[in-house]
Amino acid sequence: MTRSLLAAALAAALIAGAATACGGGGGSGGSSNDQAPDTFKARFDTTKGPFEVTVNRDWAPKGADRFYNLVKDHYYDNQPIFRVVPGFVVQWGISGDPATAKKWQDATIKDDPVKHSNDQGTITFATQGADSRTTQVFVNLVANSGLDSQGFSPFGTVTSGFPVFNKLYSGYGDGFDQGALTENGASWARENFPNLDWIKTARLVL
């Protein structure tokens, strides 16, 4: 398979993976709905160490606002980093609490125009098609400019701790069952995928 075909296949898997835990409709999922600052930072503490994201709202305002409110409400606490594809992306964003995960299934936001390329280190919402972003995000481990034309709009970049992403467990590939996590929660993931790394906490940096 050529590099371009491989990139297309991986991008298709990214969309399909998000679809398992994201439905149609709309709403806020019960989160706050504040407008994010023009720029802000979020610190993630993981089982392999911390990393920090700097968000630029002008890159993707709707995505930045959603991410800001999710972090502010501690949505990303105690979540498995369930998709690690070396040379492509690291993905997370399904709550370990089934009630919360299900509540967010229909909490979609409209698309943002792609103003910034999916460069190495950028963070972007996963989708299942047009206007379907909810809570799942991924970090580009390499420059994935092929995602730009498919509507994946980065809203920030990892500005410290990027080496953490090279330490995350990747042995499960795309074998993780996102739907089962939504239904059964964090305890199911720990039992069935014991080697996964986890986000312990995610907090706004004030």
N, C-alpha and C. Protein backbone atom coordinates (compact mmCIF):
# COMPACT_ATOMS: atom_id res chain seq x y z
N MET A 1 0.84 -1.19 0.00
CA MET A 1 0.00 0.00 0.00
C MET A 1 0.88 1.25 0.00
N THR A 2 0.57 2.21 -0.89
CA THR A 2 1.36 3.43 -0.93
C THR A 2 1.09 4.28 0.30
N ARG A 3 2.00 5.25 0.54
CA ARG A 3 1.83 6.11 1.71
C ARG A 3 0.52 6.88 1.65
N SER A 4 0.14 7.37 0.45
CA SER A 4 -1.09 8.15 0.34
C SER A 4 -2.32 7.28 0.60
N LEU A 5 -2.30 6.04 0.10
CA LEU A 5 -3.43 5.15 0.34
C LEU A 5 -3.50 4.75 1.81
N LEU A 6 -2.34 4.54 2.43
CA LEU A 6 -2.32 4.22 3.84
C LEU A 6 -2.90 5.36 4.66
N ALA A 7 -2.52 6.58 4.33
CA ALA A 7 -3.04 7.74 5.05
C ALA A 7 -4.55 7.83 4.91
N ALA A 8 -5.05 7.55 3.71
CA ALA A 8 -6.50 7.59 3.49
C ALA A 8 -7.21 6.52 4.32
N ALA A 9 -6.61 5.33 4.39
CA ALA A 9 -7.21 4.25 5.17
C ALA A 9 -7.23 4.58 6.65
N LEU A 10 -6.15 5.16 7.14
CA LEU A 10 -6.10 5.54 8.54
C LEU A 10 -7.11 6.63 8.86
N ALA A 11 -7.26 7.59 7.96
CA ALA A 11 -8.24 8.65 8.18
C ALA A 11 -9.65 8.09 8.21
N ALA A 12 -9.94 7.13 7.34
CA ALA A 12 -11.25 6.50 7.34
C ALA A 12 -11.50 5.79 8.65
N ALA A 13 -10.46 5.13 9.20
CA ALA A 13 -10.59 4.46 10.49
C ALA A 13 -10.83 5.46 11.60
N LEU A 14 -10.21 6.63 11.48
CA LEU A 14 -10.40 7.67 12.49
C LEU A 14 -11.86 8.10 12.54
N ILE A 15 -12.46 8.30 11.38
CA ILE A 15 -13.87 8.68 11.32
C ILE A 15 -14.74 7.56 11.86
N ALA A 16 -14.49 6.32 11.44
CA ALA A 16 -15.31 5.20 11.86
C ALA A 16 -15.20 4.98 13.36
N GLY A 17 -14.00 5.15 13.90
CA GLY A 17 -13.81 4.97 15.33
C GLY A 17 -14.62 5.96 16.13
N ALA A 18 -14.66 7.19 15.68
CA ALA A 18 -15.43 8.20 16.38
C ALA A 18 -16.91 7.89 16.33
N ALA A 19 -17.36 7.27 15.24
CA ALA A 19 -18.78 7.03 15.06
C ALA A 19 -19.35 6.12 16.13
N THR A 20 -18.52 5.23 16.67
CA THR A 20 -19.01 4.29 17.67
C THR A 20 -19.56 4.99 18.89
N ALA A 21 -18.95 6.11 19.24
CA ALA A 21 -19.33 6.77 20.47
C ALA A 21 -19.96 8.13 20.26
N CYS A 22 -20.32 8.45 19.03
CA CYS A 22 -20.90 9.77 18.75
C CYS A 22 -22.12 9.60 17.87
N GLY A 23 -23.23 10.14 18.30
CA GLY A 23 -24.43 10.05 17.50
C GLY A 23 -24.80 11.37 16.88
N GLY A 24 -25.98 11.44 16.27
CA GLY A 24 -26.44 12.69 15.68
C GLY A 24 -27.15 13.54 16.70
N GLY A 25 -27.79 14.60 16.23
CA GLY A 25 -28.54 15.46 17.13
C GLY A 25 -27.75 16.66 17.57
N GLY A 26 -28.02 17.17 18.76
CA GLY A 26 -27.31 18.33 19.25
C GLY A 26 -27.50 18.47 20.74
N GLY A 27 -26.93 19.53 21.29
CA GLY A 27 -27.06 19.77 22.72
C GLY A 27 -25.71 19.90 23.36
N SER A 28 -25.70 20.17 24.66
CA SER A 28 -24.46 20.43 25.37
C SER A 28 -24.01 19.25 26.22
N GLY A 29 -24.77 18.19 26.29
CA GLY A 29 -24.39 17.05 27.09
C GLY A 29 -24.35 17.33 28.58
N GLY A 30 -24.88 18.46 29.00
CA GLY A 30 -24.90 18.80 30.41
C GLY A 30 -23.70 19.60 30.86
N SER A 31 -22.79 19.91 29.93
CA SER A 31 -21.61 20.68 30.27
C SER A 31 -21.93 22.17 30.30
N SER A 32 -20.99 22.95 30.85
CA SER A 32 -21.07 24.39 30.70
C SER A 32 -20.98 24.75 29.23
N ASN A 33 -21.35 25.96 28.91
CA ASN A 33 -21.36 26.38 27.51
C ASN A 33 -20.77 27.78 27.38
N ASP A 34 -19.64 28.00 28.03
CA ASP A 34 -18.99 29.30 28.02
C ASP A 34 -18.12 29.47 26.78
N GLN A 35 -17.93 30.71 26.37
CA GLN A 35 -16.99 30.98 25.30
C GLN A 35 -15.57 30.92 25.85
N ALA A 36 -14.70 30.26 25.14
CA ALA A 36 -13.32 30.12 25.58
C ALA A 36 -12.57 31.43 25.40
N PRO A 37 -11.51 31.64 26.18
CA PRO A 37 -10.62 32.78 25.92
C PRO A 37 -9.97 32.64 24.54
N ASP A 38 -9.40 33.73 24.06
CA ASP A 38 -8.73 33.69 22.74
C ASP A 38 -7.64 32.64 22.71
N THR A 39 -6.90 32.53 23.79
CA THR A 39 -5.92 31.46 23.97
C THR A 39 -6.02 30.95 25.40
N PHE A 40 -5.79 29.68 25.59
CA PHE A 40 -5.75 29.11 26.93
C PHE A 40 -4.96 27.81 26.88
N LYS A 41 -4.60 27.33 28.06
CA LYS A 41 -3.82 26.11 28.16
C LYS A 41 -4.55 25.09 29.01
N ALA A 42 -4.32 23.83 28.70
CA ALA A 42 -4.86 22.73 29.49
C ALA A 42 -3.75 21.73 29.76
N ARG A 43 -3.66 21.27 31.01
CA ARG A 43 -2.65 20.30 31.40
C ARG A 43 -3.31 18.94 31.61
N PHE A 44 -2.77 17.93 30.96
CA PHE A 44 -3.23 16.56 31.12
C PHE A 44 -2.17 15.77 31.88
N ASP A 45 -2.57 15.11 32.95
CA ASP A 45 -1.68 14.21 33.67
C ASP A 45 -2.07 12.78 33.33
N THR A 46 -1.12 12.03 32.80
CA THR A 46 -1.38 10.67 32.35
C THR A 46 -0.51 9.68 33.11
N THR A 47 -0.76 8.41 32.88
CA THR A 47 0.04 7.37 33.51
C THR A 47 1.48 7.34 32.99
N LYS A 48 1.78 8.06 31.92
CA LYS A 48 3.15 8.16 31.41
C LYS A 48 3.72 9.56 31.57
N GLY A 49 3.02 10.42 32.30
CA GLY A 49 3.53 11.75 32.54
C GLY A 49 2.60 12.83 32.00
N PRO A 50 2.93 14.11 32.26
CA PRO A 50 2.06 15.21 31.86
C PRO A 50 2.38 15.74 30.46
N PHE A 51 1.35 16.33 29.85
CA PHE A 51 1.56 17.15 28.65
C PHE A 51 0.62 18.34 28.72
N GLU A 52 0.94 19.36 27.97
CA GLU A 52 0.15 20.60 28.00
C GLU A 52 -0.25 21.00 26.59
N VAL A 53 -1.48 21.42 26.46
CA VAL A 53 -2.05 21.86 25.19
C VAL A 53 -2.30 23.36 25.25
N THR A 54 -1.91 24.07 24.20
CA THR A 54 -2.25 25.48 24.06
C THR A 54 -3.29 25.60 22.95
N VAL A 55 -4.43 26.19 23.28
CA VAL A 55 -5.54 26.32 22.34
C VAL A 55 -5.59 27.74 21.79
N ASN A 56 -5.79 27.85 20.49
CA ASN A 56 -5.97 29.13 19.80
C ASN A 56 -7.39 29.16 19.25
N ARG A 57 -8.24 29.95 19.87
CA ARG A 57 -9.66 29.91 19.52
C ARG A 57 -9.90 30.32 18.07
N ASP A 58 -9.07 31.19 17.51
CA ASP A 58 -9.33 31.64 16.15
C ASP A 58 -9.09 30.53 15.12
N TRP A 59 -8.37 29.47 15.48
CA TRP A 59 -8.21 28.35 14.56
C TRP A 59 -9.53 27.64 14.32
N ALA A 60 -10.30 27.42 15.39
CA ALA A 60 -11.55 26.65 15.30
C ALA A 60 -12.41 27.02 16.50
N PRO A 61 -13.16 28.12 16.42
CA PRO A 61 -13.87 28.63 17.60
C PRO A 61 -14.83 27.65 18.26
N LYS A 62 -15.61 26.95 17.47
CA LYS A 62 -16.58 26.02 18.05
C LYS A 62 -15.86 24.87 18.76
N GLY A 63 -14.83 24.35 18.13
CA GLY A 63 -14.07 23.28 18.75
C GLY A 63 -13.37 23.74 20.01
N ALA A 64 -12.78 24.94 19.97
CA ALA A 64 -12.09 25.47 21.15
C ALA A 64 -13.06 25.66 22.31
N ASP A 65 -14.25 26.18 22.03
CA ASP A 65 -15.25 26.38 23.08
C ASP A 65 -15.66 25.05 23.70
N ARG A 66 -15.91 24.04 22.88
CA ARG A 66 -16.30 22.73 23.39
C ARG A 66 -15.17 22.15 24.27
N PHE A 67 -13.94 22.19 23.79
CA PHE A 67 -12.82 21.65 24.54
C PHE A 67 -12.64 22.39 25.87
N TYR A 68 -12.76 23.70 25.84
CA TYR A 68 -12.61 24.52 27.05
C TYR A 68 -13.62 24.08 28.11
N ASN A 69 -14.86 23.91 27.72
CA ASN A 69 -15.89 23.54 28.69
C ASN A 69 -15.73 22.11 29.18
N LEU A 70 -15.31 21.21 28.30
CA LEU A 70 -15.06 19.83 28.74
C LEU A 70 -13.95 19.77 29.78
N VAL A 71 -12.86 20.47 29.52
CA VAL A 71 -11.75 20.46 30.49
C VAL A 71 -12.18 21.15 31.78
N LYS A 72 -12.87 22.28 31.65
CA LYS A 72 -13.32 23.02 32.84
C LYS A 72 -14.22 22.16 33.74
N ASP A 73 -15.02 21.31 33.11
CA ASP A 73 -15.94 20.46 33.86
C ASP A 73 -15.33 19.10 34.23
N HIS A 74 -14.01 18.94 33.99
CA HIS A 74 -13.27 17.73 34.35
C HIS A 74 -13.77 16.50 33.59
N TYR A 75 -14.30 16.72 32.41
CA TYR A 75 -14.84 15.60 31.62
C TYR A 75 -13.79 14.55 31.32
N TYR A 76 -12.56 14.96 31.04
CA TYR A 76 -11.54 14.02 30.58
C TYR A 76 -10.84 13.26 31.70
N ASP A 77 -11.23 13.48 32.95
CA ASP A 77 -10.63 12.74 34.06
C ASP A 77 -10.94 11.25 33.96
N ASN A 78 -9.96 10.42 34.36
CA ASN A 78 -10.15 8.97 34.46
C ASN A 78 -10.66 8.37 33.16
N GLN A 79 -9.93 8.63 32.08
CA GLN A 79 -10.30 8.08 30.77
C GLN A 79 -9.14 7.30 30.16
N PRO A 80 -9.43 6.18 29.50
CA PRO A 80 -8.37 5.45 28.81
C PRO A 80 -7.96 6.16 27.52
N ILE A 81 -6.68 6.11 27.23
CA ILE A 81 -6.18 6.58 25.94
C ILE A 81 -6.26 5.37 25.02
N PHE A 82 -7.41 5.21 24.39
CA PHE A 82 -7.79 3.93 23.80
C PHE A 82 -7.27 3.68 22.40
N ARG A 83 -6.75 4.71 21.75
CA ARG A 83 -6.26 4.51 20.38
C ARG A 83 -4.90 5.16 20.22
N VAL A 84 -3.89 4.34 20.05
CA VAL A 84 -2.52 4.82 19.84
C VAL A 84 -2.00 4.14 18.58
N VAL A 85 -1.86 4.91 17.51
CA VAL A 85 -1.39 4.39 16.23
C VAL A 85 -0.07 5.08 15.92
N PRO A 86 1.06 4.44 16.17
CA PRO A 86 2.36 5.07 15.91
C PRO A 86 2.45 5.58 14.48
N GLY A 87 2.99 6.78 14.34
CA GLY A 87 3.11 7.38 13.02
C GLY A 87 1.82 7.99 12.51
N PHE A 88 0.81 8.06 13.37
CA PHE A 88 -0.47 8.65 12.94
C PHE A 88 -1.07 9.50 14.05
N VAL A 89 -1.84 8.91 14.97
CA VAL A 89 -2.54 9.71 16.00
C VAL A 89 -2.61 8.97 17.33
N VAL A 90 -2.92 9.75 18.37
CA VAL A 90 -3.33 9.24 19.68
C VAL A 90 -4.70 9.84 19.96
N GLN A 91 -5.66 8.99 20.37
CA GLN A 91 -7.05 9.42 20.49
C GLN A 91 -7.64 9.02 21.83
N TRP A 92 -8.51 9.89 22.37
CA TRP A 92 -9.24 9.62 23.60
C TRP A 92 -10.50 10.49 23.62
N GLY A 93 -11.32 10.34 24.68
CA GLY A 93 -12.46 11.24 24.83
C GLY A 93 -13.79 10.58 25.11
N ILE A 94 -13.79 9.32 25.59
CA ILE A 94 -15.04 8.67 26.01
C ILE A 94 -15.02 8.58 27.53
N SER A 95 -16.02 9.12 28.17
CA SER A 95 -16.08 9.12 29.63
C SER A 95 -16.07 7.70 30.18
N GLY A 96 -15.37 7.53 31.32
CA GLY A 96 -15.38 6.25 32.00
C GLY A 96 -16.65 5.99 32.79
N ASP A 97 -17.53 6.96 32.86
CA ASP A 97 -18.83 6.81 33.52
C ASP A 97 -19.89 6.60 32.44
N PRO A 98 -20.52 5.44 32.37
CA PRO A 98 -21.47 5.16 31.28
C PRO A 98 -22.58 6.18 31.14
N ALA A 99 -23.13 6.67 32.24
CA ALA A 99 -24.21 7.64 32.14
C ALA A 99 -23.72 8.92 31.47
N THR A 100 -22.53 9.35 31.81
CA THR A 100 -21.97 10.55 31.20
C THR A 100 -21.66 10.30 29.73
N ALA A 101 -21.06 9.16 29.42
CA ALA A 101 -20.72 8.84 28.03
C ALA A 101 -21.96 8.83 27.14
N LYS A 102 -23.04 8.23 27.63
CA LYS A 102 -24.27 8.16 26.84
C LYS A 102 -24.91 9.53 26.69
N LYS A 103 -24.82 10.34 27.73
CA LYS A 103 -25.39 11.69 27.67
C LYS A 103 -24.75 12.53 26.57
N TRP A 104 -23.46 12.27 26.33
CA TRP A 104 -22.72 13.06 25.34
C TRP A 104 -22.85 12.54 23.91
N GLN A 105 -23.46 11.39 23.71
CA GLN A 105 -23.53 10.79 22.37
C GLN A 105 -24.17 11.73 21.35
N ASP A 106 -25.15 12.49 21.75
CA ASP A 106 -25.88 13.33 20.81
C ASP A 106 -25.51 14.80 20.92
N ALA A 107 -24.50 15.11 21.69
CA ALA A 107 -24.14 16.52 21.94
C ALA A 107 -23.17 17.03 20.87
N THR A 108 -23.62 17.08 19.65
CA THR A 108 -22.76 17.46 18.54
C THR A 108 -22.63 18.98 18.41
N ILE A 109 -21.53 19.39 17.78
CA ILE A 109 -21.33 20.79 17.44
C ILE A 109 -21.10 20.90 15.93
N LYS A 110 -21.38 22.08 15.40
CA LYS A 110 -21.18 22.33 13.97
C LYS A 110 -19.68 22.33 13.64
N ASP A 111 -19.38 22.08 12.40
CA ASP A 111 -17.99 22.09 11.94
C ASP A 111 -17.41 23.49 11.96
N ASP A 112 -16.09 23.55 12.13
CA ASP A 112 -15.32 24.77 11.90
C ASP A 112 -14.58 24.63 10.58
N PRO A 113 -14.43 25.71 9.81
CA PRO A 113 -13.57 25.64 8.63
C PRO A 113 -12.14 25.29 9.07
N VAL A 114 -11.44 24.55 8.24
CA VAL A 114 -10.06 24.19 8.55
C VAL A 114 -9.16 25.37 8.23
N LYS A 115 -8.67 26.02 9.28
CA LYS A 115 -7.81 27.20 9.12
C LYS A 115 -6.34 26.88 9.37
N HIS A 116 -6.08 25.76 10.03
CA HIS A 116 -4.71 25.38 10.36
C HIS A 116 -4.53 23.91 10.02
N SER A 117 -3.39 23.57 9.44
CA SER A 117 -3.15 22.20 9.03
C SER A 117 -2.98 21.28 10.23
N ASN A 118 -3.21 19.99 10.01
CA ASN A 118 -3.00 18.96 11.02
C ASN A 118 -1.51 18.64 11.12
N ASP A 119 -0.76 19.62 11.60
CA ASP A 119 0.68 19.47 11.77
C ASP A 119 0.97 18.52 12.93
N GLN A 120 2.21 18.07 13.00
CA GLN A 120 2.63 17.27 14.14
C GLN A 120 2.36 18.03 15.44
N GLY A 121 1.72 17.35 16.39
CA GLY A 121 1.45 17.95 17.70
C GLY A 121 0.13 18.68 17.81
N THR A 122 -0.58 18.89 16.70
CA THR A 122 -1.86 19.58 16.79
C THR A 122 -2.93 18.64 17.37
N ILE A 123 -3.94 19.25 17.99
CA ILE A 123 -5.04 18.50 18.58
C ILE A 123 -6.33 18.88 17.85
N THR A 124 -7.14 17.87 17.57
CA THR A 124 -8.28 18.00 16.66
C THR A 124 -9.41 17.11 17.17
N PHE A 125 -10.65 17.50 16.95
CA PHE A 125 -11.77 16.63 17.28
C PHE A 125 -11.95 15.55 16.22
N ALA A 126 -12.20 14.31 16.68
CA ALA A 126 -12.60 13.23 15.79
C ALA A 126 -14.05 13.46 15.35
N THR A 127 -14.41 12.91 14.22
CA THR A 127 -15.77 13.08 13.69
C THR A 127 -16.28 11.77 13.11
N GLN A 128 -17.56 11.76 12.79
CA GLN A 128 -18.13 10.68 11.98
C GLN A 128 -18.78 11.28 10.73
N GLY A 129 -18.31 12.45 10.33
CA GLY A 129 -18.88 13.14 9.18
C GLY A 129 -19.20 14.58 9.53
N ALA A 130 -19.96 15.22 8.68
CA ALA A 130 -20.24 16.65 8.85
C ALA A 130 -21.01 16.92 10.15
N ASP A 131 -20.57 17.97 10.86
CA ASP A 131 -21.28 18.48 12.05
C ASP A 131 -21.53 17.40 13.10
N SER A 132 -20.53 16.57 13.36
CA SER A 132 -20.73 15.44 14.27
C SER A 132 -19.74 15.41 15.43
N ARG A 133 -18.99 16.47 15.64
CA ARG A 133 -18.00 16.47 16.73
C ARG A 133 -18.69 16.48 18.09
N THR A 134 -18.18 15.69 19.01
CA THR A 134 -18.74 15.68 20.37
C THR A 134 -17.62 15.85 21.40
N THR A 135 -16.96 14.76 21.77
CA THR A 135 -15.98 14.81 22.86
C THR A 135 -14.63 14.18 22.52
N GLN A 136 -14.59 13.33 21.51
CA GLN A 136 -13.34 12.63 21.20
C GLN A 136 -12.37 13.55 20.48
N VAL A 137 -11.11 13.49 20.90
CA VAL A 137 -10.06 14.29 20.29
C VAL A 137 -8.87 13.40 19.95
N PHE A 138 -8.02 13.89 19.06
CA PHE A 138 -6.78 13.17 18.77
C PHE A 138 -5.65 14.16 18.60
N VAL A 139 -4.44 13.69 18.90
CA VAL A 139 -3.22 14.45 18.67
C VAL A 139 -2.49 13.82 17.50
N ASN A 140 -2.09 14.65 16.56
CA ASN A 140 -1.34 14.18 15.40
C ASN A 140 0.11 13.90 15.80
N LEU A 141 0.54 12.66 15.64
CA LEU A 141 1.91 12.30 15.98
C LEU A 141 2.90 12.71 14.90
N VAL A 142 2.39 12.90 13.70
CA VAL A 142 3.19 13.39 12.57
C VAL A 142 2.33 14.41 11.83
N ALA A 143 2.90 15.04 10.82
CA ALA A 143 2.11 15.94 9.98
C ALA A 143 1.13 15.12 9.16
N ASN A 144 -0.16 15.32 9.41
CA ASN A 144 -1.22 14.59 8.70
C ASN A 144 -2.04 15.57 7.86
N SER A 145 -1.38 16.23 6.92
CA SER A 145 -2.06 17.25 6.12
C SER A 145 -3.19 16.67 5.28
N GLY A 146 -3.15 15.36 5.04
CA GLY A 146 -4.23 14.73 4.30
C GLY A 146 -5.58 14.81 4.99
N LEU A 147 -5.55 15.06 6.32
CA LEU A 147 -6.81 15.20 7.06
C LEU A 147 -7.46 16.56 6.84
N ASP A 148 -6.69 17.54 6.37
CA ASP A 148 -7.23 18.89 6.23
C ASP A 148 -8.43 18.92 5.29
N SER A 149 -8.29 18.27 4.14
CA SER A 149 -9.34 18.31 3.13
C SER A 149 -10.57 17.49 3.53
N GLN A 150 -10.43 16.70 4.61
CA GLN A 150 -11.55 15.89 5.08
C GLN A 150 -12.32 16.57 6.22
N GLY A 151 -11.95 17.82 6.52
CA GLY A 151 -12.72 18.60 7.47
C GLY A 151 -12.25 18.53 8.91
N PHE A 152 -11.11 17.90 9.17
CA PHE A 152 -10.57 17.83 10.53
C PHE A 152 -9.87 19.15 10.85
N SER A 153 -10.43 19.92 11.77
CA SER A 153 -9.94 21.28 12.02
C SER A 153 -9.24 21.36 13.37
N PRO A 154 -7.91 21.44 13.40
CA PRO A 154 -7.19 21.57 14.67
C PRO A 154 -7.59 22.85 15.40
N PHE A 155 -7.56 22.76 16.73
CA PHE A 155 -7.89 23.94 17.55
C PHE A 155 -6.75 24.31 18.49
N GLY A 156 -5.67 23.55 18.48
CA GLY A 156 -4.55 23.85 19.36
C GLY A 156 -3.39 22.92 19.08
N THR A 157 -2.38 23.00 19.93
CA THR A 157 -1.20 22.17 19.74
C THR A 157 -0.59 21.80 21.08
N VAL A 158 0.09 20.68 21.13
CA VAL A 158 0.80 20.25 22.33
C VAL A 158 2.08 21.08 22.43
N THR A 159 2.19 21.87 23.48
CA THR A 159 3.32 22.79 23.62
C THR A 159 4.33 22.34 24.67
N SER A 160 4.02 21.32 25.44
CA SER A 160 5.02 20.69 26.30
C SER A 160 4.59 19.26 26.57
N GLY A 161 5.59 18.40 26.79
CA GLY A 161 5.31 17.01 27.10
C GLY A 161 5.04 16.12 25.91
N PHE A 162 5.36 16.57 24.70
CA PHE A 162 5.05 15.74 23.53
C PHE A 162 5.71 14.35 23.60
N PRO A 163 6.90 14.19 24.17
CA PRO A 163 7.49 12.84 24.26
C PRO A 163 6.62 11.82 24.98
N VAL A 164 5.67 12.29 25.80
CA VAL A 164 4.75 11.37 26.47
C VAL A 164 4.03 10.49 25.45
N PHE A 165 3.70 11.05 24.31
CA PHE A 165 2.91 10.31 23.32
C PHE A 165 3.67 9.13 22.72
N ASN A 166 4.98 9.20 22.75
CA ASN A 166 5.78 8.09 22.25
C ASN A 166 5.94 6.98 23.27
N LYS A 167 5.47 7.20 24.51
CA LYS A 167 5.57 6.21 25.57
C LYS A 167 4.26 5.44 25.78
N LEU A 168 3.18 5.92 25.19
CA LEU A 168 1.87 5.33 25.43
C LEU A 168 1.78 3.93 24.82
N TYR A 169 1.05 3.06 25.49
CA TYR A 169 0.91 1.69 25.01
C TYR A 169 0.12 1.65 23.72
N SER A 170 0.69 0.99 22.70
CA SER A 170 0.05 0.95 21.38
C SER A 170 -0.28 -0.47 20.92
N GLY A 171 -0.13 -1.44 21.80
CA GLY A 171 -0.25 -2.83 21.38
C GLY A 171 -1.64 -3.28 20.96
N TYR A 172 -2.67 -2.55 21.36
CA TYR A 172 -4.03 -2.96 20.99
C TYR A 172 -4.44 -2.45 19.61
N GLY A 173 -3.65 -1.55 19.02
CA GLY A 173 -3.99 -1.03 17.70
C GLY A 173 -5.40 -0.45 17.66
N ASP A 174 -6.18 -0.90 16.67
CA ASP A 174 -7.57 -0.46 16.56
C ASP A 174 -8.54 -1.51 17.11
N GLY A 175 -8.04 -2.35 18.03
CA GLY A 175 -8.86 -3.42 18.55
C GLY A 175 -9.75 -3.04 19.72
N PHE A 176 -9.66 -1.80 20.18
CA PHE A 176 -10.45 -1.39 21.33
C PHE A 176 -11.91 -1.18 20.93
N ASP A 177 -12.82 -1.66 21.76
CA ASP A 177 -14.26 -1.56 21.49
C ASP A 177 -14.81 -0.30 22.16
N GLN A 178 -14.94 0.76 21.39
CA GLN A 178 -15.41 2.03 21.94
C GLN A 178 -16.85 1.94 22.43
N GLY A 179 -17.66 1.19 21.71
CA GLY A 179 -19.06 1.04 22.11
C GLY A 179 -19.18 0.35 23.46
N ALA A 180 -18.33 -0.64 23.70
CA ALA A 180 -18.37 -1.34 24.99
C ALA A 180 -17.93 -0.43 26.12
N LEU A 181 -16.96 0.47 25.86
CA LEU A 181 -16.58 1.43 26.89
C LEU A 181 -17.74 2.35 27.22
N THR A 182 -18.45 2.82 26.21
CA THR A 182 -19.61 3.68 26.44
C THR A 182 -20.65 2.97 27.30
N GLU A 183 -20.86 1.69 27.03
CA GLU A 183 -21.89 0.94 27.76
C GLU A 183 -21.45 0.53 29.16
N ASN A 184 -20.16 0.20 29.33
CA ASN A 184 -19.73 -0.49 30.55
C ASN A 184 -18.76 0.29 31.42
N GLY A 185 -18.12 1.33 30.89
CA GLY A 185 -17.33 2.21 31.72
C GLY A 185 -15.89 1.80 31.95
N ALA A 186 -15.25 2.57 32.83
CA ALA A 186 -13.81 2.45 33.06
C ALA A 186 -13.41 1.09 33.60
N SER A 187 -14.21 0.51 34.48
CA SER A 187 -13.84 -0.78 35.06
C SER A 187 -13.75 -1.85 33.99
N TRP A 188 -14.65 -1.80 32.99
CA TRP A 188 -14.59 -2.75 31.88
C TRP A 188 -13.29 -2.58 31.10
N ALA A 189 -12.90 -1.34 30.83
CA ALA A 189 -11.66 -1.10 30.07
C ALA A 189 -10.45 -1.60 30.84
N ARG A 190 -10.42 -1.37 32.14
CA ARG A 190 -9.27 -1.82 32.93
C ARG A 190 -9.17 -3.34 32.95
N GLU A 191 -10.31 -4.01 32.98
CA GLU A 191 -10.31 -5.47 33.03
C GLU A 191 -9.92 -6.09 31.68
N ASN A 192 -10.44 -5.52 30.59
CA ASN A 192 -10.26 -6.13 29.28
C ASN A 192 -9.08 -5.60 28.49
N PHE A 193 -8.60 -4.41 28.83
CA PHE A 193 -7.45 -3.81 28.16
C PHE A 193 -6.49 -3.28 29.22
N PRO A 194 -5.90 -4.20 30.00
CA PRO A 194 -5.15 -3.78 31.19
C PRO A 194 -3.89 -2.98 30.91
N ASN A 195 -3.39 -3.02 29.70
CA ASN A 195 -2.14 -2.31 29.40
C ASN A 195 -2.34 -0.87 28.91
N LEU A 196 -3.57 -0.47 28.74
CA LEU A 196 -3.82 0.89 28.28
C LEU A 196 -3.26 1.92 29.24
N ASP A 197 -2.81 3.04 28.69
CA ASP A 197 -2.51 4.19 29.52
C ASP A 197 -3.77 5.03 29.70
N TRP A 198 -3.74 5.86 30.75
CA TRP A 198 -4.94 6.60 31.14
C TRP A 198 -4.64 8.07 31.36
N ILE A 199 -5.64 8.89 31.10
CA ILE A 199 -5.62 10.27 31.56
C ILE A 199 -6.13 10.26 32.99
N LYS A 200 -5.32 10.75 33.89
CA LYS A 200 -5.74 10.82 35.29
C LYS A 200 -6.57 12.08 35.54
N THR A 201 -6.06 13.21 35.13
CA THR A 201 -6.80 14.47 35.26
C THR A 201 -6.47 15.38 34.08
N ALA A 202 -7.38 16.29 33.79
CA ALA A 202 -7.16 17.36 32.80
C ALA A 202 -7.70 18.65 33.40
N ARG A 203 -6.87 19.68 33.44
CA ARG A 203 -7.24 20.93 34.09
C ARG A 203 -6.82 22.13 33.25
N LEU A 204 -7.61 23.17 33.30
CA LEU A 204 -7.20 24.43 32.71
C LEU A 204 -6.02 24.99 33.50
N VAL A 205 -5.07 25.58 32.79
CA VAL A 205 -3.91 26.19 33.42
C VAL A 205 -4.21 27.67 33.59
N LEU A 206 -4.35 28.12 34.82
CA LEU A 206 -4.76 29.49 35.10
C LEU A 206 -3.57 30.38 35.39
